[in-house]
Amino acid sequence: MSNSEKLLKTLSSLIENGILTSKDIRKEISTDLKFTREKLINKFQLVSREEFEILKKLVHKQELTLKKLSNKKKFKKVKKS
């Protein structure tokens, strides 16, 4: 179902139930959009900025460690020759 169909379905159900004030309609649409946003966040498995920055630091630290190990290995090979 497309977003426009969902919106129309929500509006028609509100009108059928007798909720006619603009504040109530706005509140219902806002609630519906919040649930949709939460579903998308869960679907795409989004993380907070803080979690992203921590992971970024860990990856950077691992890259440095790998470079150091790689350099040591190259140095040992050169030394043996």
N, C-alpha and C. Protein backbone atom coordinates (compact mmCIF):
# COMPACT_ATOMS: atom_id res chain seq x y z
N MET A 1 0.85 -1.17 0.00
CA MET A 1 0.00 0.00 0.00
C MET A 1 0.90 1.24 0.00
N SER A 2 0.61 2.19 -0.85
CA SER A 2 1.44 3.39 -0.92
C SER A 2 1.14 4.33 0.24
N ASN A 3 2.03 5.29 0.42
CA ASN A 3 1.87 6.24 1.52
C ASN A 3 0.59 7.06 1.39
N SER A 4 0.26 7.46 0.16
CA SER A 4 -0.94 8.26 -0.03
C SER A 4 -2.20 7.46 0.31
N GLU A 5 -2.17 6.16 -0.02
CA GLU A 5 -3.31 5.32 0.32
C GLU A 5 -3.44 5.16 1.83
N LYS A 6 -2.31 5.02 2.51
CA LYS A 6 -2.34 4.91 3.97
C LYS A 6 -2.90 6.18 4.59
N LEU A 7 -2.47 7.33 4.06
CA LEU A 7 -2.94 8.60 4.59
C LEU A 7 -4.45 8.75 4.38
N LEU A 8 -4.91 8.42 3.19
CA LEU A 8 -6.34 8.51 2.91
C LEU A 8 -7.14 7.54 3.78
N LYS A 9 -6.59 6.34 3.97
CA LYS A 9 -7.28 5.36 4.82
C LYS A 9 -7.37 5.87 6.25
N THR A 10 -6.28 6.46 6.74
CA THR A 10 -6.27 7.01 8.10
C THR A 10 -7.28 8.14 8.23
N LEU A 11 -7.28 9.06 7.25
CA LEU A 11 -8.23 10.18 7.29
C LEU A 11 -9.67 9.70 7.23
N SER A 12 -9.94 8.73 6.35
CA SER A 12 -11.32 8.24 6.23
C SER A 12 -11.77 7.54 7.50
N SER A 13 -10.87 6.79 8.13
CA SER A 13 -11.25 6.12 9.37
C SER A 13 -11.50 7.13 10.48
N LEU A 14 -10.74 8.22 10.49
CA LEU A 14 -10.96 9.26 11.50
C LEU A 14 -12.32 9.94 11.30
N ILE A 15 -12.65 10.23 10.06
CA ILE A 15 -13.92 10.88 9.77
C ILE A 15 -15.08 9.95 10.12
N GLU A 16 -14.93 8.66 9.81
CA GLU A 16 -15.97 7.68 10.13
C GLU A 16 -16.21 7.59 11.64
N ASN A 17 -15.13 7.72 12.39
CA ASN A 17 -15.25 7.60 13.84
C ASN A 17 -15.69 8.91 14.50
N GLY A 18 -15.86 9.95 13.74
CA GLY A 18 -16.39 11.19 14.29
C GLY A 18 -15.31 12.14 14.79
N ILE A 19 -14.07 11.88 14.48
CA ILE A 19 -13.01 12.80 14.90
C ILE A 19 -12.86 13.83 13.79
N LEU A 20 -13.41 15.00 14.03
CA LEU A 20 -13.46 16.01 12.98
C LEU A 20 -12.61 17.24 13.26
N THR A 21 -12.13 17.40 14.44
CA THR A 21 -11.35 18.60 14.74
C THR A 21 -9.95 18.48 14.15
N SER A 22 -9.42 19.60 13.73
CA SER A 22 -8.12 19.61 13.07
C SER A 22 -7.00 19.18 14.03
N LYS A 23 -7.16 19.51 15.30
CA LYS A 23 -6.14 19.11 16.28
C LYS A 23 -6.07 17.59 16.41
N ASP A 24 -7.23 16.96 16.46
CA ASP A 24 -7.26 15.51 16.58
C ASP A 24 -6.69 14.83 15.34
N ILE A 25 -7.05 15.36 14.17
CA ILE A 25 -6.54 14.80 12.92
C ILE A 25 -5.03 14.96 12.86
N ARG A 26 -4.54 16.14 13.22
CA ARG A 26 -3.10 16.39 13.21
C ARG A 26 -2.38 15.45 14.17
N LYS A 27 -2.99 15.24 15.33
CA LYS A 27 -2.41 14.35 16.32
C LYS A 27 -2.34 12.91 15.81
N GLU A 28 -3.40 12.45 15.18
CA GLU A 28 -3.43 11.09 14.63
C GLU A 28 -2.41 10.92 13.51
N ILE A 29 -2.30 11.90 12.63
CA ILE A 29 -1.33 11.83 11.53
C ILE A 29 0.08 11.84 12.09
N SER A 30 0.31 12.68 13.08
CA SER A 30 1.62 12.74 13.72
C SER A 30 2.00 11.41 14.35
N THR A 31 1.06 10.79 15.03
CA THR A 31 1.30 9.49 15.64
C THR A 31 1.60 8.44 14.58
N ASP A 32 0.85 8.46 13.50
CA ASP A 32 1.06 7.51 12.41
C ASP A 32 2.44 7.69 11.80
N LEU A 33 2.86 8.93 11.60
CA LEU A 33 4.18 9.19 11.04
C LEU A 33 5.30 8.76 11.99
N LYS A 34 5.09 8.91 13.28
CA LYS A 34 6.08 8.47 14.27
C LYS A 34 6.27 6.96 14.20
N PHE A 35 5.15 6.22 14.12
CA PHE A 35 5.25 4.77 14.02
C PHE A 35 5.95 4.36 12.73
N THR A 36 5.65 5.05 11.64
CA THR A 36 6.30 4.75 10.36
C THR A 36 7.79 5.01 10.45
N ARG A 37 8.17 6.10 11.10
CA ARG A 37 9.59 6.44 11.27
C ARG A 37 10.30 5.36 12.09
N GLU A 38 9.67 4.94 13.16
CA GLU A 38 10.26 3.90 14.01
C GLU A 38 10.43 2.59 13.24
N LYS A 39 9.43 2.24 12.42
CA LYS A 39 9.54 1.02 11.62
C LYS A 39 10.70 1.11 10.64
N LEU A 40 10.89 2.27 10.03
CA LEU A 40 12.00 2.45 9.10
C LEU A 40 13.36 2.38 9.81
N ILE A 41 13.45 2.97 10.97
CA ILE A 41 14.70 2.94 11.74
C ILE A 41 15.04 1.50 12.08
N ASN A 42 14.06 0.73 12.49
CA ASN A 42 14.30 -0.68 12.81
C ASN A 42 14.64 -1.49 11.56
N LYS A 43 13.95 -1.19 10.47
CA LYS A 43 14.18 -1.94 9.23
C LYS A 43 15.60 -1.73 8.71
N PHE A 44 16.08 -0.50 8.73
CA PHE A 44 17.41 -0.19 8.21
C PHE A 44 18.50 -0.36 9.26
N GLN A 45 18.12 -0.72 10.48
CA GLN A 45 19.06 -0.95 11.57
C GLN A 45 19.99 0.25 11.76
N LEU A 46 19.43 1.43 11.86
CA LEU A 46 20.20 2.64 12.04
C LEU A 46 20.74 2.72 13.47
N VAL A 47 21.88 3.37 13.61
CA VAL A 47 22.50 3.53 14.93
C VAL A 47 22.63 5.01 15.24
N SER A 48 22.84 5.30 16.51
CA SER A 48 23.00 6.70 16.91
C SER A 48 24.38 7.20 16.51
N ARG A 49 24.55 8.48 16.51
CA ARG A 49 25.83 9.11 16.17
C ARG A 49 26.91 8.65 17.14
N GLU A 50 26.55 8.55 18.41
CA GLU A 50 27.52 8.13 19.43
C GLU A 50 28.04 6.71 19.16
N GLU A 51 27.12 5.79 18.85
CA GLU A 51 27.53 4.42 18.53
C GLU A 51 28.42 4.39 17.29
N PHE A 52 28.07 5.19 16.30
CA PHE A 52 28.85 5.24 15.07
C PHE A 52 30.27 5.73 15.34
N GLU A 53 30.41 6.78 16.13
CA GLU A 53 31.73 7.32 16.43
C GLU A 53 32.59 6.31 17.19
N ILE A 54 32.00 5.59 18.12
CA ILE A 54 32.74 4.57 18.87
C ILE A 54 33.23 3.48 17.93
N LEU A 55 32.35 3.03 17.06
CA LEU A 55 32.73 2.00 16.10
C LEU A 55 33.82 2.49 15.15
N LYS A 56 33.72 3.73 14.76
CA LYS A 56 34.71 4.33 13.88
C LYS A 56 36.10 4.34 14.55
N LYS A 57 36.15 4.68 15.82
CA LYS A 57 37.42 4.68 16.56
C LYS A 57 37.99 3.27 16.68
N LEU A 58 37.12 2.29 16.93
CA LEU A 58 37.58 0.91 17.03
C LEU A 58 38.17 0.41 15.71
N VAL A 59 37.52 0.74 14.62
CA VAL A 59 38.01 0.32 13.31
C VAL A 59 39.35 0.99 13.02
N HIS A 60 39.47 2.25 13.35
CA HIS A 60 40.73 2.96 13.13
C HIS A 60 41.86 2.33 13.95
N LYS A 61 41.56 2.00 15.18
CA LYS A 61 42.56 1.37 16.05
C LYS A 61 42.99 0.01 15.48
N GLN A 62 42.05 -0.75 14.98
CA GLN A 62 42.36 -2.05 14.37
C GLN A 62 43.22 -1.88 13.12
N GLU A 63 42.93 -0.87 12.32
CA GLU A 63 43.73 -0.61 11.12
C GLU A 63 45.17 -0.30 11.49
N LEU A 64 45.37 0.50 12.53
CA LEU A 64 46.72 0.82 12.97
C LEU A 64 47.45 -0.43 13.45
N THR A 65 46.75 -1.27 14.19
CA THR A 65 47.34 -2.50 14.69
C THR A 65 47.74 -3.41 13.52
N LEU A 66 46.88 -3.52 12.53
CA LEU A 66 47.18 -4.35 11.36
C LEU A 66 48.39 -3.81 10.59
N LYS A 67 48.49 -2.51 10.47
CA LYS A 67 49.63 -1.91 9.78
C LYS A 67 50.93 -2.20 10.53
N LYS A 68 50.88 -2.08 11.85
CA LYS A 68 52.07 -2.37 12.67
C LYS A 68 52.50 -3.82 12.50
N LEU A 69 51.54 -4.72 12.57
CA LEU A 69 51.85 -6.14 12.40
C LEU A 69 52.39 -6.44 11.01
N SER A 70 51.81 -5.81 10.03
CA SER A 70 52.26 -5.99 8.65
C SER A 70 53.69 -5.49 8.48
N ASN A 71 54.00 -4.35 9.08
CA ASN A 71 55.35 -3.79 8.99
C ASN A 71 56.36 -4.69 9.70
N LYS A 72 56.01 -5.24 10.84
CA LYS A 72 56.90 -6.13 11.57
C LYS A 72 57.19 -7.38 10.74
N LYS A 73 56.15 -7.90 10.11
CA LYS A 73 56.31 -9.10 9.29
C LYS A 73 57.23 -8.82 8.11
N LYS A 74 57.07 -7.70 7.45
CA LYS A 74 57.92 -7.32 6.32
C LYS A 74 59.36 -7.12 6.80
N PHE A 75 59.53 -6.52 7.95
CA PHE A 75 60.85 -6.27 8.49
C PHE A 75 61.56 -7.58 8.79
N LYS A 76 60.85 -8.56 9.33
CA LYS A 76 61.45 -9.86 9.62
C LYS A 76 61.86 -10.57 8.34
N LYS A 77 61.07 -10.48 7.29
CA LYS A 77 61.42 -11.10 6.02
C LYS A 77 62.67 -10.48 5.44
N VAL A 78 62.78 -9.18 5.50
CA VAL A 78 63.97 -8.48 4.98
C VAL A 78 65.18 -8.87 5.79
N LYS A 79 65.07 -9.01 7.05
CA LYS A 79 66.17 -9.34 7.94
C LYS A 79 66.71 -10.74 7.67
N LYS A 80 65.83 -11.69 7.35
CA LYS A 80 66.24 -13.07 7.08
C LYS A 80 67.06 -13.18 5.80
N SER A 81 66.78 -12.37 4.81
CA SER A 81 67.45 -12.46 3.52
C SER A 81 68.86 -12.05 3.59
